[in-house]
Amino acid sequence: IHVSPDRFSHLFRESMGAAPLQYINEIR
């Protein structure tokens, strides 16, 4: 989505209520 990793982590946590790795591991 063409953003920095820091901006992405903030955006993801704000929208999904979890950090990206936590979300991925829960899917797994």
PDB file of all heavy atoms in Angstrom:
ATOM      1  N   ILE A   1       0.826  -1.217   0.000  1.00  0.00           N
ATOM      2  CA  ILE A   1       0.000   0.000   0.000  1.00  0.00           C
ATOM      3  C   ILE A   1       0.861   1.267   0.000  1.00  0.00           C
ATOM      4  O   ILE A   1       0.371   2.356   0.274  1.00  0.00           O
ATOM      5  CB  ILE A   1      -0.989   0.013   1.186  1.00  0.00           C
ATOM      6  CG1 ILE A   1      -0.264  -0.121   2.527  1.00  0.00           C
ATOM      7  CG2 ILE A   1      -2.009  -1.111   1.038  1.00  0.00           C
ATOM      8  CD1 ILE A   1      -1.198   0.048   3.725  1.00  0.00           C
ATOM      9  N   HIS A   2       2.159   1.080  -0.266  1.00  0.00           N
ATOM     10  CA  HIS A   2       3.078   2.204  -0.508  1.00  0.00           C
ATOM     11  C   HIS A   2       3.176   3.160   0.677  1.00  0.00           C
ATOM     12  O   HIS A   2       3.064   4.384   0.527  1.00  0.00           O
ATOM     13  CB  HIS A   2       2.646   2.965  -1.775  1.00  0.00           C
ATOM     14  CG  HIS A   2       2.393   2.074  -2.944  1.00  0.00           C
ATOM     15  ND1 HIS A   2       3.388   1.359  -3.579  1.00  0.00           N
ATOM     16  CD2 HIS A   2       1.233   1.756  -3.594  1.00  0.00           C
ATOM     17  CE1 HIS A   2       2.869   0.661  -4.568  1.00  0.00           C
ATOM     18  NE2 HIS A   2       1.567   0.861  -4.596  1.00  0.00           N
ATOM     19  N   VAL A   3       3.387   2.590   1.868  1.00  0.00           N
ATOM     20  CA  VAL A   3       3.650   3.408   3.060  1.00  0.00           C
ATOM     21  C   VAL A   3       4.876   2.836   3.756  1.00  0.00           C
ATOM     22  O   VAL A   3       5.321   1.721   3.457  1.00  0.00           O
ATOM     23  CB  VAL A   3       2.441   3.412   4.037  1.00  0.00           C
ATOM     24  CG1 VAL A   3       1.224   4.053   3.406  1.00  0.00           C
ATOM     25  CG2 VAL A   3       2.110   2.000   4.519  1.00  0.00           C
ATOM     26  N   SER A   4       5.414   3.597   4.702  1.00  0.00           N
ATOM     27  CA  SER A   4       6.574   3.119   5.450  1.00  0.00           C
ATOM     28  C   SER A   4       6.151   2.008   6.406  1.00  0.00           C
ATOM     29  O   SER A   4       4.982   1.937   6.805  1.00  0.00           O
ATOM     30  CB  SER A   4       7.191   4.268   6.250  1.00  0.00           C
ATOM     31  OG  SER A   4       6.330   4.634   7.317  1.00  0.00           O
ATOM     32  N   PRO A   5       7.072   1.120   6.814  1.00  0.00           N
ATOM     33  CA  PRO A   5       6.740   0.059   7.770  1.00  0.00           C
ATOM     34  C   PRO A   5       6.159   0.594   9.072  1.00  0.00           C
ATOM     35  O   PRO A   5       5.224   0.009   9.623  1.00  0.00           O
ATOM     36  CB  PRO A   5       8.086  -0.640   7.999  1.00  0.00           C
ATOM     37  CG  PRO A   5       8.827  -0.435   6.708  1.00  0.00           C
ATOM     38  CD  PRO A   5       8.443   0.952   6.269  1.00  0.00           C
ATOM     39  N   ASP A   6       6.705   1.717   9.570  1.00  0.00           N
ATOM     40  CA  ASP A   6       6.183   2.286  10.821  1.00  0.00           C
ATOM     41  C   ASP A   6       4.755   2.782  10.633  1.00  0.00           C
ATOM     42  O   ASP A   6       3.889   2.550  11.491  1.00  0.00           O
ATOM     43  CB  ASP A   6       7.075   3.446  11.287  1.00  0.00           C
ATOM     44  CG  ASP A   6       8.396   2.963  11.865  1.00  0.00           C
ATOM     45  OD1 ASP A   6       8.505   1.752  12.162  1.00  0.00           O
ATOM     46  OD2 ASP A   6       9.313   3.793  12.006  1.00  0.00           O
ATOM     47  N   ARG A   7       4.505   3.483   9.541  1.00  0.00           N
ATOM     48  CA  ARG A   7       3.157   3.983   9.258  1.00  0.00           C
ATOM     49  C   ARG A   7       2.194   2.810   9.067  1.00  0.00           C
ATOM     50  O   ARG A   7       1.054   2.837   9.543  1.00  0.00           O
ATOM     51  CB  ARG A   7       3.181   4.866   8.012  1.00  0.00           C
ATOM     52  CG  ARG A   7       1.806   5.274   7.478  1.00  0.00           C
ATOM     53  CD  ARG A   7       1.012   6.062   8.503  1.00  0.00           C
ATOM     54  NE  ARG A   7      -0.301   6.402   7.997  1.00  0.00           N
ATOM     55  CZ  ARG A   7      -1.362   6.614   8.767  1.00  0.00           C
ATOM     56  NH1 ARG A   7      -1.267   6.511  10.080  1.00  0.00           N
ATOM     57  NH2 ARG A   7      -2.527   6.931   8.231  1.00  0.00           N
ATOM     58  N   PHE A   8       2.664   1.781   8.392  1.00  0.00           N
ATOM     59  CA  PHE A   8       1.829   0.603   8.168  1.00  0.00           C
ATOM     60  C   PHE A   8       1.446  -0.063   9.491  1.00  0.00           C
ATOM     61  O   PHE A   8       0.280  -0.414   9.699  1.00  0.00           O
ATOM     62  CB  PHE A   8       2.554  -0.402   7.274  1.00  0.00           C
ATOM     63  CG  PHE A   8       1.874  -1.737   7.221  1.00  0.00           C
ATOM     64  CD1 PHE A   8       0.699  -1.894   6.495  1.00  0.00           C
ATOM     65  CD2 PHE A   8       2.381  -2.823   7.922  1.00  0.00           C
ATOM     66  CE1 PHE A   8       0.049  -3.123   6.464  1.00  0.00           C
ATOM     67  CE2 PHE A   8       1.735  -4.049   7.890  1.00  0.00           C
ATOM     68  CZ  PHE A   8       0.568  -4.198   7.165  1.00  0.00           C
ATOM     69  N   SER A   9       2.411  -0.254  10.379  1.00  0.00           N
ATOM     70  CA  SER A   9       2.132  -0.897  11.667  1.00  0.00           C
ATOM     71  C   SER A   9       1.090  -0.117  12.453  1.00  0.00           C
ATOM     72  O   SER A   9       0.174  -0.697  13.049  1.00  0.00           O
ATOM     73  CB  SER A   9       3.422  -1.029  12.488  1.00  0.00           C
ATOM     74  OG  SER A   9       4.313  -1.923  11.874  1.00  0.00           O
ATOM     75  N   HIS A  10       1.206   1.204  12.455  1.00  0.00           N
ATOM     76  CA  HIS A  10       0.240   2.044  13.163  1.00  0.00           C
ATOM     77  C   HIS A  10      -1.145   1.928  12.539  1.00  0.00           C
ATOM     78  O   HIS A  10      -2.151   1.772  13.241  1.00  0.00           O
ATOM     79  CB  HIS A  10       0.712   3.498  13.152  1.00  0.00           C
ATOM     80  CG  HIS A  10      -0.268   4.453  13.769  1.00  0.00           C
ATOM     81  ND1 HIS A  10      -0.421   4.583  15.141  1.00  0.00           N
ATOM     82  CD2 HIS A  10      -1.170   5.312  13.210  1.00  0.00           C
ATOM     83  CE1 HIS A  10      -1.360   5.481  15.392  1.00  0.00           C
ATOM     84  NE2 HIS A  10      -1.835   5.939  14.244  1.00  0.00           N
ATOM     85  N   LEU A  11      -1.197   2.001  11.217  1.00  0.00           N
ATOM     86  CA  LEU A  11      -2.464   1.932  10.494  1.00  0.00           C
ATOM     87  C   LEU A  11      -3.134   0.583  10.719  1.00  0.00           C
ATOM     88  O   LEU A  11      -4.348   0.504  10.956  1.00  0.00           O
ATOM     89  CB  LEU A  11      -2.206   2.150   8.999  1.00  0.00           C
ATOM     90  CG  LEU A  11      -3.404   2.059   8.047  1.00  0.00           C
ATOM     91  CD1 LEU A  11      -4.379   3.178   8.329  1.00  0.00           C
ATOM     92  CD2 LEU A  11      -2.914   2.118   6.596  1.00  0.00           C
ATOM     93  N   PHE A  12      -2.356  -0.488  10.665  1.00  0.00           N
ATOM     94  CA  PHE A  12      -2.902  -1.835  10.823  1.00  0.00           C
ATOM     95  C   PHE A  12      -3.448  -2.026  12.229  1.00  0.00           C
ATOM     96  O   PHE A  12      -4.565  -2.522  12.423  1.00  0.00           O
ATOM     97  CB  PHE A  12      -1.820  -2.873  10.533  1.00  0.00           C
ATOM     98  CG  PHE A  12      -2.352  -4.265  10.345  1.00  0.00           C
ATOM     99  CD1 PHE A  12      -2.588  -4.753   9.072  1.00  0.00           C
ATOM    100  CD2 PHE A  12      -2.621  -5.086  11.430  1.00  0.00           C
ATOM    101  CE1 PHE A  12      -3.087  -6.040   8.880  1.00  0.00           C
ATOM    102  CE2 PHE A  12      -3.120  -6.366  11.252  1.00  0.00           C
ATOM    103  CZ  PHE A  12      -3.358  -6.841   9.977  1.00  0.00           C
ATOM    104  N   ARG A  13      -2.672  -1.638  13.232  1.00  0.00           N
ATOM    105  CA  ARG A  13      -3.120  -1.812  14.622  1.00  0.00           C
ATOM    106  C   ARG A  13      -4.368  -0.977  14.909  1.00  0.00           C
ATOM    107  O   ARG A  13      -5.281  -1.432  15.594  1.00  0.00           O
ATOM    108  CB  ARG A  13      -1.998  -1.436  15.586  1.00  0.00           C
ATOM    109  CG  ARG A  13      -2.311  -1.713  17.049  1.00  0.00           C
ATOM    110  CD  ARG A  13      -1.170  -1.233  17.944  1.00  0.00           C
ATOM    111  NE  ARG A  13       0.019  -2.023  17.784  1.00  0.00           N
ATOM    112  CZ  ARG A  13       0.252  -3.149  18.448  1.00  0.00           C
ATOM    113  NH1 ARG A  13      -0.646  -3.604  19.313  1.00  0.00           N
ATOM    114  NH2 ARG A  13       1.369  -3.816  18.270  1.00  0.00           N
ATOM    115  N   GLU A  14      -4.428   0.223  14.361  1.00  0.00           N
ATOM    116  CA  GLU A  14      -5.573   1.101  14.578  1.00  0.00           C
ATOM    117  C   GLU A  14      -6.832   0.502  13.971  1.00  0.00           C
ATOM    118  O   GLU A  14      -7.923   0.569  14.554  1.00  0.00           O
ATOM    119  CB  GLU A  14      -5.295   2.471  13.959  1.00  0.00           C
ATOM    120  CG  GLU A  14      -6.419   3.472  14.152  1.00  0.00           C
ATOM    121  CD  GLU A  14      -6.128   4.803  13.477  1.00  0.00           C
ATOM    122  OE1 GLU A  14      -5.749   4.815  12.284  1.00  0.00           O
ATOM    123  OE2 GLU A  14      -6.280   5.842  14.142  1.00  0.00           O
ATOM    124  N   SER A  15      -6.727  -0.110  12.795  1.00  0.00           N
ATOM    125  CA  SER A  15      -7.894  -0.636  12.093  1.00  0.00           C
ATOM    126  C   SER A  15      -8.291  -2.028  12.555  1.00  0.00           C
ATOM    127  O   SER A  15      -9.477  -2.353  12.625  1.00  0.00           O
ATOM    128  CB  SER A  15      -7.628  -0.657  10.585  1.00  0.00           C
ATOM    129  OG  SER A  15      -7.394   0.633  10.092  1.00  0.00           O
ATOM    130  N   MET A  16      -7.321  -2.878  12.848  1.00  0.00           N
ATOM    131  CA  MET A  16      -7.585  -4.283  13.129  1.00  0.00           C
ATOM    132  C   MET A  16      -7.510  -4.640  14.606  1.00  0.00           C
ATOM    133  O   MET A  16      -7.890  -5.746  15.001  1.00  0.00           O
ATOM    134  CB  MET A  16      -6.608  -5.169  12.346  1.00  0.00           C
ATOM    135  CG  MET A  16      -6.623  -4.944  10.844  1.00  0.00           C
ATOM    136  SD  MET A  16      -8.271  -5.128  10.111  1.00  0.00           S
ATOM    137  CE  MET A  16      -8.614  -6.830  10.505  1.00  0.00           C
ATOM    138  N   GLY A  17      -6.999  -3.739  15.435  1.00  0.00           N
ATOM    139  CA  GLY A  17      -6.926  -4.012  16.869  1.00  0.00           C
ATOM    140  C   GLY A  17      -5.824  -4.985  17.238  1.00  0.00           C
ATOM    141  O   GLY A  17      -5.825  -5.543  18.341  1.00  0.00           O
ATOM    142  N   ALA A  18      -4.876  -5.216  16.338  1.00  0.00           N
ATOM    143  CA  ALA A  18      -3.775  -6.140  16.602  1.00  0.00           C
ATOM    144  C   ALA A  18      -2.597  -5.761  15.718  1.00  0.00           C
ATOM    145  O   ALA A  18      -2.768  -5.161  14.655  1.00  0.00           O
ATOM    146  CB  ALA A  18      -4.198  -7.581  16.314  1.00  0.00           C
ATOM    147  N   ALA A  19      -1.382  -6.113  16.164  1.00  0.00           N
ATOM    148  CA  ALA A  19      -0.198  -5.891  15.350  1.00  0.00           C
ATOM    149  C   ALA A  19      -0.228  -6.853  14.156  1.00  0.00           C
ATOM    150  O   ALA A  19      -0.839  -7.921  14.233  1.00  0.00           O
ATOM    151  CB  ALA A  19       1.060  -6.114  16.183  1.00  0.00           C
ATOM    152  N   PRO A  20       0.427  -6.499  13.050  1.00  0.00           N
ATOM    153  CA  PRO A  20       0.397  -7.367  11.862  1.00  0.00           C
ATOM    154  C   PRO A  20       0.828  -8.804  12.139  1.00  0.00           C
ATOM    155  O   PRO A  20       0.159  -9.746  11.710  1.00  0.00           O
ATOM    156  CB  PRO A  20       1.359  -6.664  10.895  1.00  0.00           C
ATOM    157  CG  PRO A  20       1.306  -5.225  11.298  1.00  0.00           C
ATOM    158  CD  PRO A  20       1.144  -5.233  12.779  1.00  0.00           C
ATOM    159  N   LEU A  21       1.931  -8.996  12.874  1.00  0.00           N
ATOM    160  CA  LEU A  21       2.402 -10.357  13.145  1.00  0.00           C
ATOM    161  C   LEU A  21       1.405 -11.127  13.995  1.00  0.00           C
ATOM    162  O   LEU A  21       1.174 -12.323  13.769  1.00  0.00           O
ATOM    163  CB  LEU A  21       3.769 -10.324  13.829  1.00  0.00           C
ATOM    164  CG  LEU A  21       4.370 -11.707  14.144  1.00  0.00           C
ATOM    165  CD1 LEU A  21       4.526 -12.536  12.880  1.00  0.00           C
ATOM    166  CD2 LEU A  21       5.716 -11.557  14.865  1.00  0.00           C
ATOM    167  N   GLN A  22       0.800 -10.461  14.977  1.00  0.00           N
ATOM    168  CA  GLN A  22      -0.216 -11.121  15.800  1.00  0.00           C
ATOM    169  C   GLN A  22      -1.392 -11.566  14.939  1.00  0.00           C
ATOM    170  O   GLN A  22      -1.888 -12.683  15.067  1.00  0.00           O
ATOM    171  CB  GLN A  22      -0.701 -10.181  16.903  1.00  0.00           C
ATOM    172  CG  GLN A  22      -1.802 -10.787  17.787  1.00  0.00           C
ATOM    173  CD  GLN A  22      -2.378  -9.777  18.769  1.00  0.00           C
ATOM    174  OE1 GLN A  22      -1.799  -8.708  18.990  1.00  0.00           O
ATOM    175  NE2 GLN A  22      -3.520 -10.098  19.349  1.00  0.00           N
ATOM    176  N   TYR A  23      -1.815 -10.698  14.040  1.00  0.00           N
ATOM    177  CA  TYR A  23      -2.924 -11.029  13.134  1.00  0.00           C
ATOM    178  C   TYR A  23      -2.567 -12.226  12.260  1.00  0.00           C
ATOM    179  O   TYR A  23      -3.360 -13.167  12.104  1.00  0.00           O
ATOM    180  CB  TYR A  23      -3.249  -9.811  12.270  1.00  0.00           C
ATOM    181  CG  TYR A  23      -4.355 -10.029  11.265  1.00  0.00           C
ATOM    182  CD1 TYR A  23      -5.679  -9.765  11.589  1.00  0.00           C
ATOM    183  CD2 TYR A  23      -4.075 -10.497   9.972  1.00  0.00           C
ATOM    184  CE1 TYR A  23      -6.701  -9.954  10.661  1.00  0.00           C
ATOM    185  CE2 TYR A  23      -5.081 -10.694   9.044  1.00  0.00           C
ATOM    186  CZ  TYR A  23      -6.390 -10.425   9.390  1.00  0.00           C
ATOM    187  OH  TYR A  23      -7.402 -10.622   8.483  1.00  0.00           O
ATOM    188  N   ILE A  24      -1.371 -12.211  11.691  1.00  0.00           N
ATOM    189  CA  ILE A  24      -0.931 -13.307  10.826  1.00  0.00           C
ATOM    190  C   ILE A  24      -0.876 -14.614  11.602  1.00  0.00           C
ATOM    191  O   ILE A  24      -1.334 -15.666  11.128  1.00  0.00           O
ATOM    192  CB  ILE A  24       0.440 -12.990  10.211  1.00  0.00           C
ATOM    193  CG1 ILE A  24       0.333 -11.800   9.251  1.00  0.00           C
ATOM    194  CG2 ILE A  24       1.009 -14.206   9.491  1.00  0.00           C
ATOM    195  CD1 ILE A  24       1.669 -11.232   8.816  1.00  0.00           C
ATOM    196  N   ASN A  25      -0.316 -14.579  12.811  1.00  0.00           N
ATOM    197  CA  ASN A  25      -0.217 -15.799  13.607  1.00  0.00           C
ATOM    198  C   ASN A  25      -1.587 -16.332  14.005  1.00  0.00           C
ATOM    199  O   ASN A  25      -1.799 -17.553  14.064  1.00  0.00           O
ATOM    200  CB  ASN A  25       0.641 -15.557  14.849  1.00  0.00           C
ATOM    201  CG  ASN A  25       2.129 -15.567  14.526  1.00  0.00           C
ATOM    202  OD1 ASN A  25       2.555 -16.196  13.551  1.00  0.00           O
ATOM    203  ND2 ASN A  25       2.915 -14.882  15.331  1.00  0.00           N
ATOM    204  N   GLU A  26      -2.544 -15.437  14.274  1.00  0.00           N
ATOM    205  CA  GLU A  26      -3.893 -15.894  14.613  1.00  0.00           C
ATOM    206  C   GLU A  26      -4.552 -16.556  13.400  1.00  0.00           C
ATOM    207  O   GLU A  26      -5.252 -17.561  13.539  1.00  0.00           O
ATOM    208  CB  GLU A  26      -4.731 -14.727  15.131  1.00  0.00           C
ATOM    209  CG  GLU A  26      -4.312 -14.264  16.518  1.00  0.00           C
ATOM    210  CD  GLU A  26      -5.184 -13.146  17.062  1.00  0.00           C
ATOM    211  OE1 GLU A  26      -6.180 -12.787  16.400  1.00  0.00           O
ATOM    212  OE2 GLU A  26      -4.864 -12.634  18.157  1.00  0.00           O
ATOM    213  N   ILE A  27      -4.321 -16.000  12.213  1.00  0.00           N
ATOM    214  CA  ILE A  27      -4.822 -16.638  10.988  1.00  0.00           C
ATOM    215  C   ILE A  27      -4.220 -18.035  10.862  1.00  0.00           C
ATOM    216  O   ILE A  27      -4.915 -19.022  10.583  1.00  0.00           O
ATOM    217  CB  ILE A  27      -4.460 -15.791   9.750  1.00  0.00           C
ATOM    218  CG1 ILE A  27      -5.218 -14.456   9.752  1.00  0.00           C
ATOM    219  CG2 ILE A  27      -4.740 -16.575   8.455  1.00  0.00           C
ATOM    220  CD1 ILE A  27      -6.705 -14.582   9.515  1.00  0.00           C
ATOM    221  N   ARG A  28      -2.918 -18.142  11.083  1.00  0.00           N
ATOM    222  CA  ARG A  28      -2.233 -19.433  10.972  1.00  0.00           C
ATOM    223  C   ARG A  28      -2.774 -20.441  11.989  1.00  0.00           C
ATOM    224  O   ARG A  28      -3.008 -21.613  11.648  1.00  0.00           O
ATOM    225  CB  ARG A  28      -0.736 -19.233  11.177  1.00  0.00           C
ATOM    226  CG  ARG A  28      -0.050 -18.504  10.034  1.00  0.00           C
ATOM    227  CD  ARG A  28       1.364 -18.092  10.399  1.00  0.00           C
ATOM    228  NE  ARG A  28       2.092 -17.578   9.239  1.00  0.00           N
ATOM    229  CZ  ARG A  28       3.215 -16.885   9.319  1.00  0.00           C
ATOM    230  NH1 ARG A  28       3.737 -16.596  10.508  1.00  0.00           N
ATOM    231  NH2 ARG A  28       3.816 -16.460   8.218  1.00  0.00           N
TER     232      ARG A  28
END
